[in-house]
Protein backbone atom coordinates (compact mmCIF):
# COMPACT_ATOMS: atom_id res chain seq x y z
CA MET A 1 126.49 60.42 112.77
CA ALA A 2 129.85 59.08 112.39
CA LEU A 3 128.51 57.33 108.84
CA ALA A 4 127.23 60.60 107.79
CA PHE A 5 130.38 62.72 108.62
CA ALA A 6 132.23 60.01 106.62
CA VAL A 7 130.07 60.18 104.01
CA LEU A 8 130.45 64.13 103.94
CA LEU A 9 134.21 63.73 104.00
CA PHE A 10 134.29 61.82 100.91
CA SER A 11 131.54 63.54 98.99
CA GLY A 12 133.49 66.44 98.09
CA LEU A 13 131.35 69.09 99.51
CA PRO A 14 132.97 72.06 101.29
CA LEU A 15 133.04 71.79 104.98
CA LYS A 16 130.69 74.68 106.69
CA LEU A 17 130.36 75.72 110.07
CA PRO A 18 128.13 78.29 111.36
CA PRO A 19 130.01 81.80 112.21
CA ILE A 20 130.31 80.50 115.67
CA LYS A 21 133.96 79.40 115.50
CA LEU A 22 135.65 81.32 118.39
CA PRO A 23 133.47 81.26 121.14
CA LEU A 24 133.18 77.44 120.19
CA VAL A 25 137.02 77.04 119.91
CA LEU A 26 137.65 79.00 123.34
CA PHE A 27 134.79 76.65 125.06
CA MET A 28 136.63 73.39 123.83
CA ILE A 29 139.89 74.89 124.73
CA GLY A 30 138.83 76.16 128.32
CA THR A 31 137.53 72.42 128.62
CA VAL A 32 140.87 70.70 127.86
CA ILE A 33 142.97 73.29 130.19
CA SER A 34 140.37 72.26 132.89
CA LEU A 35 141.22 68.83 132.41
CA LEU A 36 144.73 68.89 132.49
CA ALA A 37 144.69 71.24 135.80
CA SER A 38 142.03 68.79 137.58
CA VAL A 39 143.00 66.16 140.06
CA ASP A 40 141.90 63.22 138.04
CA PRO A 41 142.16 63.97 134.26
CA ARG A 42 141.39 60.61 133.52
CA SER A 43 137.80 60.65 135.02
CA GLY A 44 136.90 63.73 132.68
CA SER A 45 137.52 62.03 129.27
CA PRO A 46 133.46 61.87 128.96
CA GLN A 47 133.25 65.44 128.49
CA ILE A 48 136.04 65.49 125.91
CA ARG A 49 134.34 62.78 123.81
CA LYS A 50 131.14 64.74 123.69
CA PHE A 51 133.12 67.12 121.92
CA TYR A 52 131.79 64.68 119.36
CA VAL A 53 128.10 65.65 119.50
CA PHE A 54 129.46 69.09 118.19
CA LEU A 55 130.08 67.39 114.53
CA ILE A 56 126.30 67.80 114.18
CA LEU A 57 126.92 71.64 113.24
CA LEU A 58 129.33 70.76 110.58
CA LEU A 59 126.79 68.08 109.41
CA ILE A 60 123.96 70.56 109.15
CA SER A 61 126.01 73.43 107.82
CA SER A 62 127.48 71.39 105.15
CA THR A 63 124.60 69.47 103.91
CA PHE A 64 121.46 71.69 103.99
CA ARG A 65 121.15 74.33 101.50
CA ARG A 66 117.85 75.25 101.66
CA ALA A 67 114.98 76.21 104.18
CA ALA A 68 112.40 73.57 102.71
CA GLU A 69 115.20 70.94 103.61
CA VAL A 70 114.71 72.52 107.42
CA ARG A 71 111.33 72.19 107.16
CA GLY A 72 110.98 68.62 106.64
CA LEU A 73 113.57 67.87 109.23
CA VAL A 74 111.26 69.92 111.39
CA LEU A 75 108.51 67.76 110.24
CA ALA A 76 110.08 64.36 110.77
CA TRP A 77 111.05 65.35 114.14
CA SER A 78 107.31 66.20 114.90
CA PHE A 79 105.87 62.86 113.54
CA VAL A 80 108.71 60.63 115.36
CA ALA A 81 108.32 62.88 118.68
CA SER A 82 104.47 62.37 118.43
CA LEU A 83 104.93 58.60 118.32
CA SER A 84 107.17 58.81 121.58
CA ALA A 85 104.11 61.08 122.85
CA LEU A 86 101.65 58.64 122.15
CA ARG A 87 103.91 55.96 124.03
CA SER A 88 104.14 58.13 127.15
CA LEU A 89 100.06 59.05 127.34
CA PHE A 90 99.95 55.09 127.44
CA GLN A 91 102.63 55.20 130.27
CA PHE A 92 100.89 57.66 132.28
CA PHE A 93 97.60 55.96 132.22
CA GLN A 94 99.59 52.88 132.99
CA LYS A 95 100.98 54.64 136.07
CA TYR A 96 97.58 56.05 137.14
CA GLN A 97 96.25 52.71 136.92
CA ASP A 98 98.87 51.09 139.27
CA ALA A 99 98.65 53.88 141.48
CA ARG A 100 95.05 53.07 142.08
CA GLU A 101 95.39 49.56 142.32
CA ALA A 102 98.14 50.15 145.15
CA HIS A 103 95.71 52.67 146.90
CA GLN A 104 98.61 55.34 146.57
CA ASN A 105 98.43 59.41 146.17
CA PHE A 106 98.75 59.51 142.67
CA TYR A 107 101.32 62.78 142.66
CA GLN A 108 103.46 60.88 144.98
CA TYR A 109 103.59 57.50 143.27
CA TYR A 110 104.21 59.51 139.91
CA ILE A 111 106.66 62.22 140.44
CA GLY A 112 109.50 60.01 141.20
CA GLU A 113 109.00 57.99 137.70
CA ARG A 114 107.62 59.98 135.41
CA ILE A 115 106.66 59.31 131.76
CA THR A 116 109.89 58.62 129.18
CA GLY A 117 108.09 57.96 126.00
CA PHE A 118 110.95 56.30 123.97
CA MET A 119 113.54 57.88 126.20
CA SER A 120 115.38 56.74 129.34
CA HIS A 121 114.61 59.60 131.61
CA TRP A 122 111.84 62.18 131.70
CA MET A 123 114.33 65.03 131.61
CA THR A 124 115.91 63.87 128.26
CA PHE A 125 111.83 63.40 127.02
CA GLY A 126 110.72 66.43 127.82
CA GLY A 127 113.47 68.49 126.63
CA GLU A 128 113.44 67.09 123.48
CA GLU A 129 109.59 67.25 123.25
CA MET A 130 110.23 71.15 124.09
CA VAL A 131 112.63 71.83 121.32
CA VAL A 132 110.17 69.70 118.94
CA LEU A 133 107.11 71.40 119.89
CA LEU A 134 108.54 75.21 119.86
CA MET A 135 109.93 74.38 116.40
CA LEU A 136 106.53 72.73 115.04
CA ALA A 137 104.71 75.63 116.47
CA ALA A 138 107.02 78.28 114.89
CA PHE A 139 105.80 76.10 111.67
CA LEU A 140 102.39 76.18 112.22
CA PHE A 141 102.44 80.14 113.22
CA PHE A 142 104.74 81.43 110.53
CA SER A 143 105.55 79.15 107.33
CA PRO A 144 103.79 79.95 104.23
CA ALA A 145 103.60 76.24 103.22
CA THR A 146 99.91 74.79 103.71
CA LYS A 147 100.56 71.36 103.27
CA TRP A 148 100.77 69.00 106.47
CA LYS A 149 99.81 71.71 108.65
CA THR A 150 96.75 69.98 109.69
CA ALA A 151 99.09 66.76 110.72
CA GLY A 152 100.95 69.17 112.58
CA TRP A 153 98.38 70.66 114.59
CA ILE A 154 97.46 66.97 115.59
CA CYS A 155 101.21 66.56 116.44
CA ALA A 156 101.14 69.50 118.09
CA ALA A 157 98.12 68.54 120.32
CA VAL A 158 99.66 65.41 121.29
CA LEU A 159 103.16 66.64 122.32
CA GLY A 160 101.69 69.30 124.49
CA LEU A 161 99.38 66.94 126.15
CA SER A 162 102.46 64.68 126.56
CA LEU A 163 104.86 67.61 127.80
CA VAL A 164 102.35 68.86 130.38
CA LEU A 165 101.72 65.45 131.75
CA GLY A 166 105.45 65.16 132.33
CA MET A 167 105.22 67.51 135.04
CA THR A 168 108.82 68.55 134.70
CA ARG A 169 108.43 72.03 135.93
CA SER A 170 111.50 73.45 134.60
CA ILE A 171 109.95 72.67 131.09
CA PHE A 172 106.11 73.17 131.63
CA LEU A 173 106.33 76.18 133.91
CA LEU A 174 109.34 78.01 132.34
CA GLY A 175 111.21 77.24 129.60
CA MET A 176 107.99 75.99 127.14
CA PRO A 177 105.84 79.08 128.23
CA LEU A 178 108.58 81.61 127.63
CA GLY A 179 109.28 80.12 124.16
CA MET A 180 105.80 79.85 123.36
CA LEU A 181 104.81 83.63 124.54
CA TYR A 182 107.71 84.65 122.32
CA LEU A 183 106.45 82.90 119.44
CA LEU A 184 102.65 84.28 120.25
CA TRP A 185 104.01 88.04 120.08
CA PHE A 186 105.31 87.62 116.76
CA TRP A 187 101.97 85.88 115.79
CA HIS A 188 98.96 87.59 117.18
CA ARG A 189 100.11 89.63 120.06
CA TRP A 190 96.72 89.41 121.73
CA LEU A 191 97.15 85.91 122.33
CA VAL A 192 100.18 86.94 124.86
CA VAL A 193 97.46 87.87 127.40
CA ALA A 194 94.44 85.31 126.54
CA VAL A 195 96.44 81.97 126.03
CA PRO A 196 98.24 82.41 129.30
CA VAL A 197 94.98 83.00 131.16
CA VAL A 198 93.40 79.95 129.78
CA ALA A 199 96.70 77.97 130.52
CA VAL A 200 96.56 78.80 134.21
CA ALA A 201 92.86 78.19 134.24
CA ILE A 202 93.59 74.59 132.87
CA LEU A 203 96.57 74.12 135.03
CA PHE A 204 94.79 74.94 138.19
CA SER A 205 91.59 72.86 137.19
CA ILE A 206 93.49 69.38 137.26
CA ALA A 207 94.36 68.26 140.52
CA PRO A 208 97.89 66.89 139.96
CA LEU A 209 98.90 69.83 137.58
CA ARG A 210 97.52 72.17 140.41
CA GLU A 211 99.84 70.35 143.03
CA ARG A 212 102.75 70.28 140.68
CA ALA A 213 102.74 74.15 140.47
CA ASN A 214 102.12 74.51 144.12
CA SER A 215 104.89 72.50 144.91
CA ILE A 216 107.08 75.34 143.60
CA LEU A 217 106.08 77.30 147.01
CA GLN A 218 104.74 74.18 148.88
CA PRO A 219 106.83 71.39 148.18
CA HIS A 220 105.65 67.75 149.31
CA GLY A 221 108.47 67.12 151.66
CA GLU A 222 111.70 65.51 149.67
CA THR A 223 109.10 64.32 146.78
CA ASP A 224 109.58 67.74 145.00
CA SER A 225 113.34 68.21 145.61
CA ASN A 226 113.21 71.84 146.24
CA MET A 227 115.99 71.62 148.98
CA HIS A 228 117.80 69.44 146.73
CA ARG A 229 117.98 72.09 144.41
CA THR A 230 118.97 74.61 147.06
CA VAL A 231 121.95 72.30 148.33
CA THR A 232 123.20 71.84 144.72
CA ARG A 233 123.23 75.81 144.00
CA ARG A 234 124.86 76.60 147.22
CA THR A 235 127.41 73.78 147.00
CA GLY A 236 128.13 75.03 143.23
CA LEU A 237 128.89 78.21 144.44
CA GLU A 238 131.40 76.96 147.13
CA MET A 239 133.03 75.46 144.13
CA ILE A 240 133.12 78.39 142.21
CA LYS A 241 134.52 80.46 144.83
CA ALA A 242 137.42 78.06 145.44
CA HIS A 243 138.40 77.70 141.89
CA PRO A 244 136.80 80.47 139.74
CA LEU A 245 139.32 80.21 136.57
CA LEU A 246 139.43 76.58 135.74
CA GLY A 247 136.93 74.91 137.92
CA LEU A 248 137.39 71.67 139.63
CA GLY A 249 137.78 69.89 136.39
CA PRO A 250 135.26 67.98 133.98
CA GLU A 251 133.37 65.43 135.98
CA GLN A 252 134.68 66.72 139.14
CA VAL A 253 131.65 67.92 140.29
CA LYS A 254 130.25 64.71 140.90
CA ALA A 255 133.22 63.13 142.18
CA GLN A 256 133.63 66.16 144.61
CA PHE A 257 130.53 67.09 145.66
CA ASP A 258 130.04 65.97 149.03
CA ARG A 259 133.75 67.70 149.96
CA TRP A 260 132.03 70.87 149.11
CA VAL A 261 128.56 70.87 150.63
CA PRO A 262 128.43 74.01 153.02
CA ALA A 263 128.74 73.11 156.53
CA ASP A 264 125.60 74.27 157.90
CA ILE A 265 123.39 71.99 155.75
CA PRO A 266 122.39 69.19 157.68
CA ARG A 267 123.01 65.04 156.78
CA PRO A 268 121.81 63.20 155.49
CA LEU A 269 120.97 65.11 152.35
CA PRO A 270 117.49 65.73 150.74
CA ASP A 271 116.53 62.89 148.18
CA GLY A 272 117.78 63.52 144.84
CA TRP A 273 120.76 63.39 142.12
CA TYR A 274 123.85 65.12 143.02
CA GLY A 275 125.99 63.86 140.10
CA HIS A 276 125.87 67.69 138.76
CA LEU A 277 124.12 70.91 139.66
CA HIS A 278 120.98 71.03 137.73
CA ASN A 279 122.10 74.55 136.04
CA ILE A 280 124.00 74.77 133.05
CA TYR A 281 125.30 78.47 134.42
CA LEU A 282 126.83 77.02 137.74
CA GLN A 283 127.76 73.43 136.24
CA TYR A 284 130.07 75.01 133.50
CA ALA A 285 131.39 77.55 136.05
CA ALA A 286 131.89 74.91 138.97
CA GLU A 287 133.34 72.41 136.46
CA ARG A 288 135.48 74.29 134.00
CA GLY A 289 135.67 77.65 135.24
CA ILE A 290 133.82 80.87 134.71
CA PRO A 291 135.94 82.05 131.42
CA THR A 292 135.01 78.62 129.87
CA MET A 293 131.37 79.34 131.06
CA LEU A 294 131.42 82.92 129.65
CA ALA A 295 132.76 81.22 126.11
CA MET A 296 129.59 79.18 126.05
CA MET A 297 127.49 82.30 127.11
CA TRP A 298 129.15 84.10 123.92
CA LEU A 299 128.46 81.44 121.68
CA ILE A 300 124.79 81.54 123.01
CA GLY A 301 124.57 85.20 122.87
CA LYS A 302 125.84 85.66 119.30
CA VAL A 303 123.44 83.21 117.60
CA LEU A 304 120.59 85.12 119.29
CA PHE A 305 122.24 88.11 117.96
CA ASP A 306 122.39 87.18 114.86
CA PHE A 307 119.33 85.61 114.51
CA PHE A 308 117.53 88.85 116.04
CA GLN A 309 119.33 91.00 113.66
CA ARG A 310 117.83 89.06 110.73
CA ILE A 311 114.79 88.90 112.04
CA ARG A 312 114.61 92.79 112.54
CA ARG A 313 115.45 93.55 108.92
CA GLY A 314 112.58 91.61 107.44
CA VAL A 315 111.91 87.73 107.08
CA THR A 316 109.82 85.75 104.70
CA GLY A 317 109.11 82.52 103.72
CA ASP A 318 110.11 79.66 105.72
CA MET A 319 113.01 81.83 106.94
CA ARG A 320 110.62 83.54 109.08
CA PHE A 321 109.71 80.24 111.06
CA ILE A 322 113.24 79.01 111.12
CA LEU A 323 114.44 81.67 112.88
CA HIS A 324 111.68 82.59 115.25
CA GLY A 325 111.48 79.00 116.18
CA ALA A 326 115.21 79.00 116.81
CA VAL A 327 114.90 82.12 118.89
CA ALA A 328 112.51 80.31 120.86
CA VAL A 329 114.11 77.52 121.40
CA ILE A 330 117.33 79.14 122.64
CA LEU A 331 115.05 81.36 125.13
CA ALA A 332 113.40 78.24 126.47
CA ILE A 333 116.89 76.29 126.77
CA LEU A 334 118.49 79.15 128.72
CA ALA A 335 115.47 79.58 131.07
CA GLU A 336 115.39 75.52 131.67
CA GLY A 337 118.79 75.97 132.42
CA MET A 338 118.49 77.74 135.38
CA LEU A 339 116.95 74.35 136.93
CA GLU A 340 118.69 71.87 135.04
CA TYR A 341 121.72 71.12 133.26
CA ASN A 342 119.90 70.39 130.18
CA LEU A 343 122.71 71.06 127.92
CA GLY A 344 124.85 68.39 129.34
CA ASP A 345 122.26 65.65 127.90
CA SER A 346 123.90 64.58 124.68
CA GLU A 347 120.40 64.22 123.10
CA VAL A 348 118.78 67.52 124.11
CA LEU A 349 122.50 69.15 123.19
CA THR A 350 122.27 67.61 119.49
CA MET A 351 118.93 69.00 118.78
CA PHE A 352 119.91 72.27 120.37
CA LEU A 353 122.72 72.32 117.92
CA CYS A 354 120.95 71.11 115.13
CA VAL A 355 118.32 74.39 115.39
CA VAL A 356 121.52 76.83 115.98
CA ALA A 357 122.80 75.36 112.46
CA CYS A 358 119.39 75.19 110.62
CA GLY A 359 119.00 79.03 111.48
CA TYR A 360 122.18 79.86 110.01
CA VAL A 361 121.36 77.65 106.79
CA ALA A 362 118.37 79.74 106.50
CA ILE A 363 120.50 83.06 106.44
CA GLU A 364 122.90 81.43 104.29
CA GLU A 365 120.16 80.87 101.73
CA ASP A 366 118.56 84.12 101.81
CA ARG A 367 122.07 85.81 101.46
CA GLY A 368 122.81 83.20 98.18
CA LEU A 369 119.22 84.55 96.70
CA ALA A 370 120.22 88.34 97.37
CA ALA A 371 123.42 87.57 95.79
CA GLU A 372 121.74 86.18 92.61
CA ARG A 373 119.21 88.82 92.73
CA ALA A 374 121.83 91.70 92.37
């Protein structure tokens, strides 16, 4: 990305950003102020360095000109993600064999160390797959282009199977279904009823998937980390009550977590990762303050408003798949974000910002064509 930005600077092309500058700047300013007000500003520097990721907005907006280029990006994503998904299927088979050889319950053996594809963690892997699969589905449903669609359906099948076998509940039971239902509503509305029925039937006919779904209400002890999420949620609320305006400071949720655990929660704490709050809303508010969290929500809300407004006016060609796909991705990210700090993951954040920028590229191209016709 650094090389691409350097080339962009020397190319002479005008630098462009999507029309979300004000909320983006306010989010960054709020983060910096929170950092300066924290008890340990130096430890929060990783979140300042993460501003670098937002350069992808500038790169996409300044270099992409046509919806066809976005289509090419989505197809390239789909091909690479499918290779990663194929590797994950091999990983799943290996883990299944290992559990059998060790005479262990597969579900309990697997949940603590799931498939990751080419990534280092199953949450990152699942988040990336969710973004790619929703954009690919939008392409298959709405793009007038017929080339590559057969390959696209094959990729979608591989990605879908891998995503489900990843068994990350916030993704395959919440984020992905919401995004897919949105796309189906605008494709063939009768599928909004038919597909969930078939999906639930498949889900409950496969034992490990059935166990994973049932674990929401009947967790397997600490394996499913339901109590862990309760602890992080309640602790986050305590942090926000004490520091509503500026938060504890970037990276301070992890550093100060034990201090803010409510007194009525017994020790030792349930197994799980306590480095963040597993919720983008609580995390941003506890770490940087409610105003900064609202700045990020304003940014996302403005993107949704702009895309919905353009969709309501009527969209055709590749613009239709890009905007519908972008909305589906945003809805999925917001839903999954209730159970995971997904935008704190640089890989997922980068892809999310790419999708946002691509949506505005499609709108900008349409405006240019309309001006030419006028």
